[in-house]
Amino acid sequence: MTAVSFDGRSDVPVLGKPTPLFNDDYDLGQGITIANYDVTPDGRFVMLHRDAHGGQLHLVLNWTEELKRILAQGGVR
């Protein structure tokens, strides 16, 4: 993942020098055209970190109900 400055004030856009955002190993999507990250509405993002020994992805459905249950019990201890 890299950042590039962009100036679109003239007829021809001007792009700056690419700068790496992270010095780590992240998984890629299928092929080079499918992103393996997503941006949240508040501008944050989620990326999958590559683990040399494999890893697991845990998908939690109805997580808001789980959160309500945890909070009703006084939160995580």
N, C-alpha and C. Protein backbone atom coordinates (compact mmCIF):
# COMPACT_ATOMS: atom_id res chain seq x y z
N MET A 1 0.86 -1.16 0.00
CA MET A 1 0.00 0.00 0.00
C MET A 1 0.91 1.22 0.00
N THR A 2 0.67 2.11 -0.93
CA THR A 2 1.49 3.31 -1.04
C THR A 2 0.60 4.55 -1.09
N ALA A 3 1.19 5.68 -0.80
CA ALA A 3 0.52 6.98 -0.91
C ALA A 3 1.23 7.79 -1.98
N VAL A 4 0.45 8.55 -2.73
CA VAL A 4 1.00 9.40 -3.78
C VAL A 4 0.28 10.74 -3.70
N SER A 5 1.04 11.83 -3.66
CA SER A 5 0.39 13.14 -3.69
C SER A 5 -0.20 13.36 -5.08
N PHE A 6 -1.28 14.14 -5.11
CA PHE A 6 -2.01 14.38 -6.36
C PHE A 6 -2.39 15.84 -6.43
N ASP A 7 -2.07 16.48 -7.55
CA ASP A 7 -2.45 17.88 -7.79
C ASP A 7 -3.27 17.90 -9.07
N GLY A 8 -4.57 18.15 -8.94
CA GLY A 8 -5.46 18.15 -10.09
C GLY A 8 -5.92 19.54 -10.47
N ARG A 9 -5.17 20.58 -10.08
CA ARG A 9 -5.60 21.96 -10.37
C ARG A 9 -5.41 22.35 -11.82
N SER A 10 -4.50 21.70 -12.53
CA SER A 10 -4.28 22.05 -13.94
C SER A 10 -4.93 21.01 -14.84
N ASP A 11 -4.81 21.23 -16.16
CA ASP A 11 -5.41 20.31 -17.13
C ASP A 11 -4.76 18.92 -17.07
N VAL A 12 -3.49 18.89 -16.71
CA VAL A 12 -2.77 17.62 -16.60
C VAL A 12 -2.48 17.35 -15.13
N PRO A 13 -3.00 16.25 -14.58
CA PRO A 13 -2.74 15.95 -13.17
C PRO A 13 -1.26 15.72 -12.91
N VAL A 14 -0.81 16.14 -11.74
CA VAL A 14 0.59 15.95 -11.35
C VAL A 14 0.62 14.97 -10.18
N LEU A 15 1.35 13.88 -10.36
CA LEU A 15 1.48 12.87 -9.32
C LEU A 15 2.85 12.96 -8.69
N GLY A 16 2.89 12.81 -7.37
CA GLY A 16 4.16 12.85 -6.65
C GLY A 16 4.82 11.48 -6.62
N LYS A 17 5.89 11.41 -5.86
CA LYS A 17 6.64 10.16 -5.72
C LYS A 17 5.88 9.21 -4.79
N PRO A 18 5.70 7.95 -5.19
CA PRO A 18 5.02 6.98 -4.31
C PRO A 18 5.82 6.76 -3.03
N THR A 19 5.11 6.71 -1.91
CA THR A 19 5.73 6.50 -0.61
C THR A 19 5.05 5.31 0.06
N PRO A 20 5.82 4.28 0.46
CA PRO A 20 5.21 3.14 1.16
C PRO A 20 4.58 3.59 2.48
N LEU A 21 3.39 3.09 2.76
CA LEU A 21 2.72 3.42 4.03
C LEU A 21 3.09 2.45 5.14
N PHE A 22 3.39 1.21 4.79
CA PHE A 22 3.66 0.19 5.78
C PHE A 22 4.88 -0.61 5.36
N ASN A 23 5.69 -1.00 6.31
CA ASN A 23 6.83 -1.89 6.06
C ASN A 23 6.49 -3.25 6.64
N ASP A 24 5.59 -3.95 5.99
CA ASP A 24 5.17 -5.25 6.46
C ASP A 24 4.65 -6.04 5.27
N ASP A 25 4.26 -7.26 5.50
CA ASP A 25 3.82 -8.15 4.43
C ASP A 25 2.32 -8.36 4.54
N TYR A 26 1.55 -7.88 3.57
CA TYR A 26 0.11 -8.00 3.58
C TYR A 26 -0.35 -8.89 2.43
N ASP A 27 -1.43 -9.63 2.67
CA ASP A 27 -1.98 -10.50 1.63
C ASP A 27 -2.52 -9.67 0.49
N LEU A 28 -2.46 -10.26 -0.69
CA LEU A 28 -3.03 -9.65 -1.88
C LEU A 28 -4.35 -10.33 -2.19
N GLY A 29 -5.21 -9.65 -2.94
CA GLY A 29 -6.45 -10.26 -3.38
C GLY A 29 -6.17 -11.27 -4.47
N GLN A 30 -7.22 -11.84 -5.01
CA GLN A 30 -7.06 -12.81 -6.10
C GLN A 30 -6.60 -12.07 -7.34
N GLY A 31 -5.43 -12.41 -7.86
CA GLY A 31 -4.88 -11.69 -9.00
C GLY A 31 -4.42 -10.30 -8.57
N ILE A 32 -4.25 -9.43 -9.52
CA ILE A 32 -3.80 -8.08 -9.18
C ILE A 32 -4.93 -7.05 -9.27
N THR A 33 -6.13 -7.49 -9.61
CA THR A 33 -7.22 -6.54 -9.80
C THR A 33 -8.24 -6.55 -8.68
N ILE A 34 -8.11 -7.47 -7.72
CA ILE A 34 -9.07 -7.55 -6.62
C ILE A 34 -8.38 -7.10 -5.34
N ALA A 35 -8.85 -6.02 -4.77
CA ALA A 35 -8.23 -5.49 -3.55
C ALA A 35 -8.48 -6.41 -2.37
N ASN A 36 -7.52 -6.50 -1.48
CA ASN A 36 -7.66 -7.29 -0.26
C ASN A 36 -7.68 -6.35 0.94
N TYR A 37 -8.40 -5.27 0.80
CA TYR A 37 -8.57 -4.30 1.88
C TYR A 37 -9.89 -3.60 1.65
N ASP A 38 -10.35 -2.85 2.62
CA ASP A 38 -11.56 -2.07 2.46
C ASP A 38 -11.43 -0.81 3.30
N VAL A 39 -12.10 0.25 2.88
CA VAL A 39 -12.08 1.52 3.58
C VAL A 39 -13.44 1.70 4.26
N THR A 40 -13.40 2.05 5.54
CA THR A 40 -14.64 2.24 6.29
C THR A 40 -15.16 3.66 6.07
N PRO A 41 -16.44 3.91 6.39
CA PRO A 41 -17.01 5.24 6.17
C PRO A 41 -16.26 6.37 6.88
N ASP A 42 -15.57 6.06 7.99
CA ASP A 42 -14.85 7.12 8.72
C ASP A 42 -13.43 7.32 8.20
N GLY A 43 -13.07 6.66 7.09
CA GLY A 43 -11.76 6.85 6.48
C GLY A 43 -10.70 5.87 6.94
N ARG A 44 -11.00 5.05 7.92
CA ARG A 44 -10.05 4.01 8.34
C ARG A 44 -10.14 2.86 7.35
N PHE A 45 -9.24 1.91 7.48
CA PHE A 45 -9.30 0.77 6.56
C PHE A 45 -8.88 -0.50 7.25
N VAL A 46 -9.23 -1.60 6.61
CA VAL A 46 -8.92 -2.94 7.10
C VAL A 46 -8.05 -3.62 6.07
N MET A 47 -6.94 -4.20 6.53
CA MET A 47 -6.05 -4.96 5.65
C MET A 47 -5.74 -6.29 6.33
N LEU A 48 -5.50 -7.33 5.54
CA LEU A 48 -5.16 -8.64 6.08
C LEU A 48 -3.64 -8.79 6.08
N HIS A 49 -3.10 -9.00 7.27
CA HIS A 49 -1.66 -9.19 7.44
C HIS A 49 -1.30 -10.62 7.09
N ARG A 50 -0.24 -10.82 6.34
CA ARG A 50 0.19 -12.16 5.96
C ARG A 50 1.02 -12.75 7.09
N ASP A 51 0.68 -13.97 7.48
CA ASP A 51 1.40 -14.69 8.52
C ASP A 51 2.23 -15.78 7.86
N ALA A 52 3.50 -15.86 8.19
CA ALA A 52 4.39 -16.84 7.58
C ALA A 52 3.95 -18.28 7.84
N HIS A 53 3.18 -18.49 8.90
CA HIS A 53 2.76 -19.84 9.26
C HIS A 53 1.29 -20.09 8.94
N GLY A 54 0.74 -19.31 8.04
CA GLY A 54 -0.69 -19.43 7.75
C GLY A 54 -1.47 -18.67 8.80
N GLY A 55 -2.74 -18.77 8.76
CA GLY A 55 -3.53 -18.06 9.75
C GLY A 55 -5.00 -18.41 9.60
N GLN A 56 -5.79 -17.77 10.41
CA GLN A 56 -7.22 -18.01 10.39
C GLN A 56 -7.94 -16.67 10.34
N LEU A 57 -9.03 -16.66 9.64
CA LEU A 57 -9.91 -15.50 9.59
C LEU A 57 -11.19 -15.88 10.31
N HIS A 58 -11.55 -15.11 11.32
CA HIS A 58 -12.77 -15.38 12.09
C HIS A 58 -13.83 -14.39 11.65
N LEU A 59 -14.93 -14.90 11.16
CA LEU A 59 -16.05 -14.08 10.72
C LEU A 59 -17.12 -14.14 11.80
N VAL A 60 -17.52 -12.99 12.31
CA VAL A 60 -18.52 -12.94 13.37
C VAL A 60 -19.78 -12.32 12.78
N LEU A 61 -20.81 -13.14 12.71
CA LEU A 61 -22.11 -12.67 12.23
C LEU A 61 -22.91 -12.14 13.41
N ASN A 62 -23.75 -11.18 13.16
CA ASN A 62 -24.59 -10.58 14.21
C ASN A 62 -23.74 -10.07 15.38
N TRP A 63 -22.61 -9.45 15.07
CA TRP A 63 -21.69 -9.01 16.11
C TRP A 63 -22.30 -7.93 17.00
N THR A 64 -23.28 -7.20 16.48
CA THR A 64 -23.89 -6.17 17.33
C THR A 64 -24.67 -6.81 18.47
N GLU A 65 -25.30 -7.95 18.22
CA GLU A 65 -26.01 -8.66 19.28
C GLU A 65 -25.02 -9.18 20.33
N GLU A 66 -23.89 -9.68 19.86
CA GLU A 66 -22.85 -10.15 20.78
C GLU A 66 -22.33 -8.99 21.62
N LEU A 67 -22.13 -7.84 21.00
CA LEU A 67 -21.65 -6.66 21.72
C LEU A 67 -22.66 -6.23 22.78
N LYS A 68 -23.94 -6.22 22.41
CA LYS A 68 -24.97 -5.85 23.39
C LYS A 68 -24.95 -6.80 24.58
N ARG A 69 -24.79 -8.10 24.32
CA ARG A 69 -24.75 -9.09 25.39
C ARG A 69 -23.56 -8.85 26.31
N ILE A 70 -22.39 -8.60 25.71
CA ILE A 70 -21.18 -8.36 26.50
C ILE A 70 -21.32 -7.10 27.35
N LEU A 71 -21.85 -6.04 26.76
CA LEU A 71 -22.02 -4.78 27.49
C LEU A 71 -23.05 -4.92 28.61
N ALA A 72 -24.10 -5.69 28.37
CA ALA A 72 -25.12 -5.90 29.40
C ALA A 72 -24.54 -6.64 30.61
N GLN A 73 -23.49 -7.43 30.36
CA GLN A 73 -22.85 -8.17 31.44
C GLN A 73 -21.72 -7.37 32.08
N GLY A 74 -21.58 -6.12 31.70
CA GLY A 74 -20.55 -5.27 32.31
C GLY A 74 -19.29 -5.13 31.48
N GLY A 75 -19.29 -5.61 30.27
CA GLY A 75 -18.12 -5.46 29.40
C GLY A 75 -17.13 -6.61 29.56
N VAL A 76 -16.08 -6.56 28.81
CA VAL A 76 -15.05 -7.60 28.83
C VAL A 76 -14.21 -7.42 30.08
N ARG A 77 -13.94 -8.50 30.74
CA ARG A 77 -13.13 -8.46 31.96
C ARG A 77 -11.85 -9.21 31.77
